Amino acid sequence: MIPGFAQRKRFSDLSEQDILALAISSEEDDARIYRTYAHKLRDEFPSSAAIFDEMAVEEDGHRSALIELHQKRFGDVIPMIRREHVSGFYARKPVWLIENLSLDRIRSEARGMEQAAEAFYRKAATMTQDAATRDLLGRLAAAEAGHDEKAAELEAAHLGGDKRSNEDSDAHRKFVLTWVQPGLAGLMDGSVSTLAPIFATAFATQSTHTTFLVGLAASVGAGISMGFTEAASDDGQLSGRGSPIKRGIAAGVMTTIGGLGHTLPYLIPDFWTATITAFFVVFVELWAIAWIQNKYMETPFMRAVFQVVLGGGLVFAAGALIGGG
């Protein structure tokens, strides 16, 4: 038996008091999540934060109506039952994970929350015989279903004119500065800077095992160095480039990946098969970098090709000449 699941109740086994208690705790959680979203967004996206503030207030109203009904039917003591106590009940993303969510993802999460709440109230309404309880649960289901319209009204009030486009533009800019730019710099560094030592070793030794070890060491070492360098270069407070930890992770991981791309073919025992495969991987890597530069950094494509493909080709040629000599 899986630990933790044996203690969960099935939704069909809940009493009407349990259903009301579950609805109360769920509304409390949702209001708290909306306020956390608002707090996260307030500095950079104040208009979106205002929307989540109002949504939290609406959830407070739902909770108050549920508590009032519970008091009338069952008294003041509300059973302690939460969504994680019910098998198969919809789950919410842990609030601490919102630090890693983009503005669009937060909006999407909020829509998902409302849809799940609507489904819960509709199912719960079919499980109660009390007219007042059934009426309230039905009205709450309708309210959750109408939140898309409510959200649209709030967006019109708080994100009218250019506010929405400005917030979306700011969110895209932050994504580029925090993840794409350091990741791209890391990918370029890992892909290009490791070419010379890897192919010099390959042509000097013609040993796939030795070449793989050198490439692995160069890739991991460059990734660690690039990650710490990026994290220490700017705390992001003045530049607006975001968390140095996120930028360091992006740069370090992508640097390692860039180097490993043309290192892994040397797991193939045959030297020339491995080397030809590595040539092909390098070709794909360099053109992919040029495409990313053009798409996200708005670098003219031919300039990106000149910078990356030609530069990478020269580094590769240097490594091959040194190793062959």
Protein backbone atom coordinates (compact mmCIF):
# COMPACT_ATOMS: atom_id res chain seq x y z
CA MET A 1 0.00 0.00 0.00
CA ILE A 2 1.36 3.44 -0.87
CA PRO A 3 2.00 5.55 2.26
CA GLY A 4 -0.29 8.55 2.55
CA PHE A 5 -2.93 7.33 0.12
CA ALA A 6 -4.57 4.91 2.56
CA GLN A 7 -5.70 7.83 4.75
CA ARG A 8 -7.35 9.74 1.91
CA LYS A 9 -11.11 9.77 1.61
CA ARG A 10 -12.87 9.10 -1.63
CA PHE A 11 -14.91 12.06 -2.82
CA SER A 12 -18.03 9.90 -3.00
CA ASP A 13 -17.66 9.04 0.71
CA LEU A 14 -17.74 12.66 1.90
CA SER A 15 -20.66 13.81 4.00
CA GLU A 16 -22.45 17.09 3.23
CA GLN A 17 -20.59 18.69 6.15
CA ASP A 18 -17.29 17.41 4.73
CA ILE A 19 -18.15 18.91 1.34
CA LEU A 20 -18.84 22.32 2.86
CA ALA A 21 -15.66 22.14 4.95
CA LEU A 22 -13.64 21.17 1.86
CA ALA A 23 -15.14 24.05 -0.11
CA ILE A 24 -14.29 26.50 2.70
CA SER A 25 -10.66 25.40 2.92
CA SER A 26 -10.33 25.42 -0.88
CA GLU A 27 -11.63 29.00 -1.11
CA GLU A 28 -9.18 30.03 1.62
CA ASP A 29 -6.31 28.44 -0.31
CA ASP A 30 -7.34 30.02 -3.61
CA ALA A 31 -7.61 33.48 -2.07
CA ARG A 32 -4.16 33.04 -0.55
CA ILE A 33 -2.71 31.94 -3.88
CA TYR A 34 -4.22 34.94 -5.69
CA ARG A 35 -2.78 37.29 -3.08
CA THR A 36 0.61 35.63 -3.47
CA TYR A 37 0.38 36.10 -7.24
CA ALA A 38 -0.50 39.77 -6.65
CA HIS A 39 2.45 40.22 -4.29
CA LYS A 40 4.87 38.67 -6.78
CA LEU A 41 3.61 40.81 -9.66
CA ARG A 42 3.06 44.11 -7.84
CA ASP A 43 6.45 45.72 -8.50
CA GLU A 44 6.79 44.80 -12.18
CA PHE A 45 3.17 44.32 -13.27
CA PRO A 46 0.95 46.42 -10.98
CA SER A 47 -2.09 46.24 -13.25
CA SER A 48 -2.09 42.43 -13.25
CA ALA A 49 -1.50 42.47 -9.49
CA ALA A 50 -4.69 44.54 -9.08
CA ILE A 51 -6.64 41.86 -10.97
CA PHE A 52 -5.46 39.12 -8.62
CA ASP A 53 -6.21 41.33 -5.59
CA GLU A 54 -9.83 41.61 -6.74
CA MET A 55 -10.05 37.89 -7.48
CA ALA A 56 -8.85 37.17 -3.94
CA VAL A 57 -11.57 39.43 -2.54
CA GLU A 58 -14.16 37.51 -4.56
CA GLU A 59 -12.89 34.20 -3.17
CA ASP A 60 -13.23 35.71 0.34
CA GLY A 61 -16.89 36.36 -0.44
CA HIS A 62 -17.40 32.74 -1.50
CA ARG A 63 -15.76 31.52 1.72
CA SER A 64 -17.95 33.77 3.87
CA ALA A 65 -21.14 32.45 2.22
CA LEU A 66 -20.00 28.86 2.76
CA ILE A 67 -19.12 29.49 6.42
CA GLU A 68 -22.51 31.12 7.03
CA LEU A 69 -24.29 28.09 5.54
CA HIS A 70 -22.17 25.69 7.60
CA GLN A 71 -23.02 27.58 10.79
CA LYS A 72 -26.74 27.33 10.02
CA ARG A 73 -26.65 23.61 9.28
CA PHE A 74 -23.84 22.15 11.38
CA GLY A 75 -22.70 24.78 13.88
CA ASP A 76 -19.49 26.71 14.38
CA VAL A 77 -16.99 23.82 14.39
CA ILE A 78 -15.74 23.22 10.84
CA PRO A 79 -14.03 19.86 10.20
CA MET A 80 -10.38 20.08 9.21
CA ILE A 81 -10.43 18.68 5.69
CA ARG A 82 -8.36 19.93 2.78
CA ARG A 83 -8.02 18.97 -0.86
CA GLU A 84 -4.93 16.81 -0.18
CA HIS A 85 -7.07 14.68 2.16
CA VAL A 86 -9.38 13.62 -0.69
CA SER A 87 -8.34 11.01 -3.22
CA GLY A 88 -8.44 12.26 -6.79
CA PHE A 89 -9.24 15.83 -5.80
CA TYR A 90 -7.70 18.54 -7.97
CA ALA A 91 -4.37 19.88 -6.74
CA ARG A 92 -2.93 23.36 -6.70
CA LYS A 93 0.65 24.17 -7.67
CA PRO A 94 2.71 24.83 -4.49
CA VAL A 95 2.78 28.59 -3.96
CA TRP A 96 6.57 28.69 -3.61
CA LEU A 97 6.86 27.52 -7.23
CA ILE A 98 5.41 30.78 -8.51
CA GLU A 99 8.91 32.29 -8.31
CA ASN A 100 9.61 30.26 -11.45
CA LEU A 101 6.38 31.13 -13.30
CA SER A 102 6.12 33.72 -16.03
CA LEU A 103 3.29 36.26 -16.20
CA ASP A 104 1.51 34.28 -18.93
CA ARG A 105 1.91 31.05 -16.95
CA ILE A 106 0.44 32.68 -13.83
CA ARG A 107 -2.57 33.83 -15.85
CA SER A 108 -2.93 30.31 -17.23
CA GLU A 109 -2.69 28.78 -13.75
CA ALA A 110 -5.44 31.11 -12.54
CA ARG A 111 -7.74 30.03 -15.39
CA GLY A 112 -7.06 26.40 -14.52
CA MET A 113 -7.90 27.07 -10.87
CA GLU A 114 -11.29 28.52 -11.78
CA GLN A 115 -12.14 25.63 -14.12
CA ALA A 116 -11.24 23.04 -11.47
CA ALA A 117 -13.28 24.89 -8.83
CA GLU A 118 -16.30 24.98 -11.16
CA ALA A 119 -16.06 21.21 -11.72
CA PHE A 120 -15.85 20.63 -7.95
CA TYR A 121 -18.94 22.70 -7.16
CA ARG A 122 -20.98 21.06 -9.91
CA LYS A 123 -20.05 17.58 -8.64
CA ALA A 124 -20.61 18.58 -5.01
CA ALA A 125 -24.07 19.98 -5.80
CA THR A 126 -25.19 16.56 -7.04
CA MET A 127 -24.18 14.95 -3.73
CA THR A 128 -26.35 17.03 -1.38
CA GLN A 129 -30.04 16.70 -0.62
CA ASP A 130 -30.38 20.00 1.24
CA ALA A 131 -31.99 22.63 -0.97
CA ALA A 132 -30.08 25.61 0.45
CA THR A 133 -26.73 23.82 0.16
CA ARG A 134 -27.47 22.67 -3.36
CA ASP A 135 -28.50 26.18 -4.34
CA LEU A 136 -25.33 27.77 -2.93
CA LEU A 137 -23.03 25.20 -4.54
CA GLY A 138 -24.80 25.69 -7.87
CA ARG A 139 -24.43 29.45 -7.64
CA LEU A 140 -20.74 29.10 -6.78
CA ALA A 141 -20.25 26.81 -9.78
CA ALA A 142 -21.88 29.44 -11.97
CA ALA A 143 -19.70 32.12 -10.39
CA GLU A 144 -16.53 30.13 -11.10
CA ALA A 145 -17.70 29.50 -14.66
CA GLY A 146 -18.30 33.24 -15.06
CA HIS A 147 -14.84 34.14 -13.86
CA ASP A 148 -13.55 34.18 -17.42
CA GLU A 149 -15.98 37.03 -18.10
CA LYS A 150 -15.10 38.59 -14.75
CA ALA A 151 -11.41 38.33 -15.54
CA ALA A 152 -12.06 39.96 -18.90
CA GLU A 153 -13.88 42.82 -17.13
CA LEU A 154 -11.02 43.22 -14.68
CA GLU A 155 -8.48 43.15 -17.50
CA ALA A 156 -10.46 45.83 -19.31
CA ALA A 157 -10.46 47.93 -16.13
CA HIS A 158 -6.86 47.39 -15.12
CA LEU A 159 -5.16 46.45 -18.38
CA GLY A 160 -6.89 48.83 -20.74
CA GLY A 161 -5.11 50.77 -23.43
CA ASP A 162 -1.45 49.87 -23.71
CA LYS A 163 -1.07 48.42 -20.21
CA ARG A 164 -1.52 44.79 -21.27
CA SER A 165 0.86 45.06 -24.20
CA ASN A 166 3.38 46.92 -22.02
CA GLU A 167 3.23 44.22 -19.35
CA ASP A 168 3.57 41.46 -21.94
CA SER A 169 6.51 43.29 -23.47
CA ASP A 170 8.16 43.69 -20.07
CA ALA A 171 7.60 40.01 -19.28
CA HIS A 172 9.15 38.97 -22.61
CA ARG A 173 12.09 41.31 -22.04
CA LYS A 174 12.70 39.88 -18.57
CA PHE A 175 12.52 36.32 -19.93
CA VAL A 176 15.09 37.18 -22.58
CA LEU A 177 17.42 38.94 -20.12
CA THR A 178 17.15 36.30 -17.40
CA TRP A 179 17.13 33.07 -19.40
CA VAL A 180 17.74 33.51 -23.13
CA GLN A 181 20.68 35.91 -23.08
CA PRO A 182 22.83 34.08 -20.49
CA GLY A 183 21.76 30.71 -21.90
CA LEU A 184 22.72 31.76 -25.40
CA ALA A 185 26.05 33.13 -24.20
CA GLY A 186 26.67 29.82 -22.45
CA LEU A 187 25.69 27.77 -25.48
CA MET A 188 28.01 29.82 -27.68
CA ASP A 189 30.86 29.54 -25.21
CA GLY A 190 30.40 25.80 -24.72
CA SER A 191 29.95 25.06 -28.40
CA VAL A 192 32.80 27.20 -29.69
CA SER A 193 35.43 27.31 -26.95
CA THR A 194 35.54 23.52 -26.55
CA LEU A 195 36.01 22.87 -30.28
CA ALA A 196 39.76 23.46 -30.25
CA PRO A 197 40.72 21.22 -27.30
CA ILE A 198 38.34 18.42 -28.32
CA PHE A 199 39.37 18.20 -31.97
CA ALA A 200 43.03 18.85 -31.19
CA THR A 201 42.92 15.86 -28.85
CA ALA A 202 40.99 13.80 -31.39
CA PHE A 203 43.46 14.32 -34.24
CA ALA A 204 46.52 14.11 -32.00
CA THR A 205 45.58 10.83 -30.29
CA GLN A 206 42.93 9.31 -32.58
CA SER A 207 41.58 7.78 -29.38
CA THR A 208 37.83 8.15 -28.89
CA HIS A 209 38.08 7.37 -25.17
CA THR A 210 40.72 10.03 -24.52
CA THR A 211 38.85 12.57 -26.66
CA PHE A 212 35.65 11.88 -24.75
CA LEU A 213 37.34 12.39 -21.38
CA VAL A 214 38.95 15.65 -22.52
CA GLY A 215 35.64 16.89 -23.96
CA LEU A 216 33.72 15.93 -20.81
CA ALA A 217 36.23 17.71 -18.58
CA ALA A 218 36.26 20.79 -20.82
CA SER A 219 32.45 20.95 -20.99
CA VAL A 220 31.81 20.51 -17.27
CA GLY A 221 34.66 22.83 -16.31
CA ALA A 222 33.50 25.52 -18.73
CA GLY A 223 29.92 25.16 -17.46
CA ILE A 224 30.92 25.63 -13.83
CA SER A 225 33.15 28.58 -14.68
CA MET A 226 30.54 30.26 -16.90
CA GLY A 227 27.78 29.74 -14.35
CA PHE A 228 29.70 31.33 -11.48
CA THR A 229 30.95 34.14 -13.72
CA GLU A 230 27.45 35.04 -14.87
CA ALA A 231 25.99 34.88 -11.35
CA ALA A 232 28.76 37.07 -9.93
CA SER A 233 28.79 39.60 -12.76
CA ASP A 234 25.49 41.35 -11.95
CA ASP A 235 22.97 41.07 -9.10
CA GLY A 236 20.21 42.21 -11.47
CA GLN A 237 18.94 44.97 -9.18
CA LEU A 238 19.92 47.90 -11.39
CA SER A 239 20.15 46.21 -14.78
CA GLY A 240 16.78 44.46 -14.47
CA ARG A 241 18.33 41.21 -15.72
CA GLY A 242 16.66 39.16 -13.01
CA SER A 243 17.94 36.69 -10.45
CA PRO A 244 21.70 36.04 -10.68
CA ILE A 245 21.07 32.44 -9.62
CA LYS A 246 18.69 31.85 -12.54
CA ARG A 247 21.11 33.50 -14.96
CA GLY A 248 24.01 31.48 -13.57
CA ILE A 249 22.07 28.23 -13.95
CA ALA A 250 21.05 29.12 -17.51
CA ALA A 251 24.60 30.01 -18.51
CA GLY A 252 26.23 27.06 -16.75
CA VAL A 253 23.82 24.40 -18.00
CA MET A 254 23.83 25.65 -21.59
CA THR A 255 27.63 25.91 -21.62
CA THR A 256 27.91 22.30 -20.55
CA ILE A 257 25.31 21.21 -23.11
CA GLY A 258 27.13 23.13 -25.84
CA GLY A 259 30.36 21.27 -25.13
CA LEU A 260 28.75 17.87 -24.62
CA GLY A 261 27.01 18.06 -28.00
CA HIS A 262 30.18 17.29 -29.93
CA THR A 263 31.76 15.28 -27.09
CA LEU A 264 29.16 12.54 -26.86
CA PRO A 265 29.82 11.19 -30.39
CA TYR A 266 33.21 10.04 -29.08
CA LEU A 267 31.44 7.35 -27.10
CA ILE A 268 31.38 5.61 -30.49
CA PRO A 269 34.43 3.30 -30.57
CA ASP A 270 35.32 3.85 -34.24
CA PHE A 271 37.36 7.06 -34.54
CA TRP A 272 36.24 8.25 -37.97
CA THR A 273 32.56 7.41 -37.35
CA ALA A 274 32.72 9.38 -34.11
CA THR A 275 34.55 12.30 -35.72
CA ILE A 276 32.18 12.58 -38.70
CA THR A 277 29.22 12.47 -36.31
CA ALA A 278 30.85 15.21 -34.22
CA PHE A 279 31.33 17.31 -37.40
CA PHE A 280 27.60 17.04 -38.10
CA VAL A 281 26.70 17.95 -34.49
CA VAL A 282 28.95 21.03 -34.63
CA PHE A 283 27.29 22.12 -37.87
CA VAL A 284 23.81 21.83 -36.32
CA GLU A 285 24.94 23.58 -33.11
CA LEU A 286 26.38 26.61 -34.84
CA TRP A 287 23.38 27.12 -37.11
CA ALA A 288 21.01 26.65 -34.15
CA ILE A 289 22.87 29.37 -32.25
CA ALA A 290 22.61 31.71 -35.24
CA TRP A 291 18.85 31.04 -35.40
CA ILE A 292 18.38 31.72 -31.67
CA GLN A 293 20.33 34.97 -31.96
CA ASN A 294 18.13 36.05 -34.84
CA LYS A 295 14.85 35.07 -33.14
CA TYR A 296 15.37 36.25 -29.57
CA MET A 297 18.20 38.79 -29.73
CA GLU A 298 17.00 40.33 -33.02
CA THR A 299 20.46 39.95 -34.53
CA PRO A 300 20.32 40.11 -38.35
CA PHE A 301 20.57 36.53 -39.56
CA MET A 302 23.58 37.02 -41.83
CA ARG A 303 25.47 38.84 -39.07
CA ALA A 304 24.65 35.97 -36.68
CA VAL A 305 25.89 33.47 -39.25
CA PHE A 306 29.10 35.44 -39.73
CA GLN A 307 29.73 35.74 -35.99
CA VAL A 308 28.87 32.20 -34.97
CA VAL A 309 29.36 29.88 -37.94
CA LEU A 310 32.49 31.52 -39.30
CA GLY A 311 33.95 32.02 -35.83
CA GLY A 312 33.20 28.44 -34.85
CA GLY A 313 34.67 27.18 -38.09
CA LEU A 314 37.92 29.03 -37.42
CA VAL A 315 38.18 27.62 -33.89
CA PHE A 316 37.50 24.12 -35.22
CA ALA A 317 40.14 24.54 -37.91
CA ALA A 318 42.67 25.74 -35.31
CA GLY A 319 42.04 22.68 -33.15
CA ALA A 320 42.26 20.31 -36.09
CA LEU A 321 45.51 21.87 -37.37
CA ILE A 322 47.13 21.86 -33.95
CA GLY A 323 46.11 18.26 -33.32
CA GLY A 324 47.11 17.12 -36.78
CA GLY A 325 50.50 18.78 -36.51
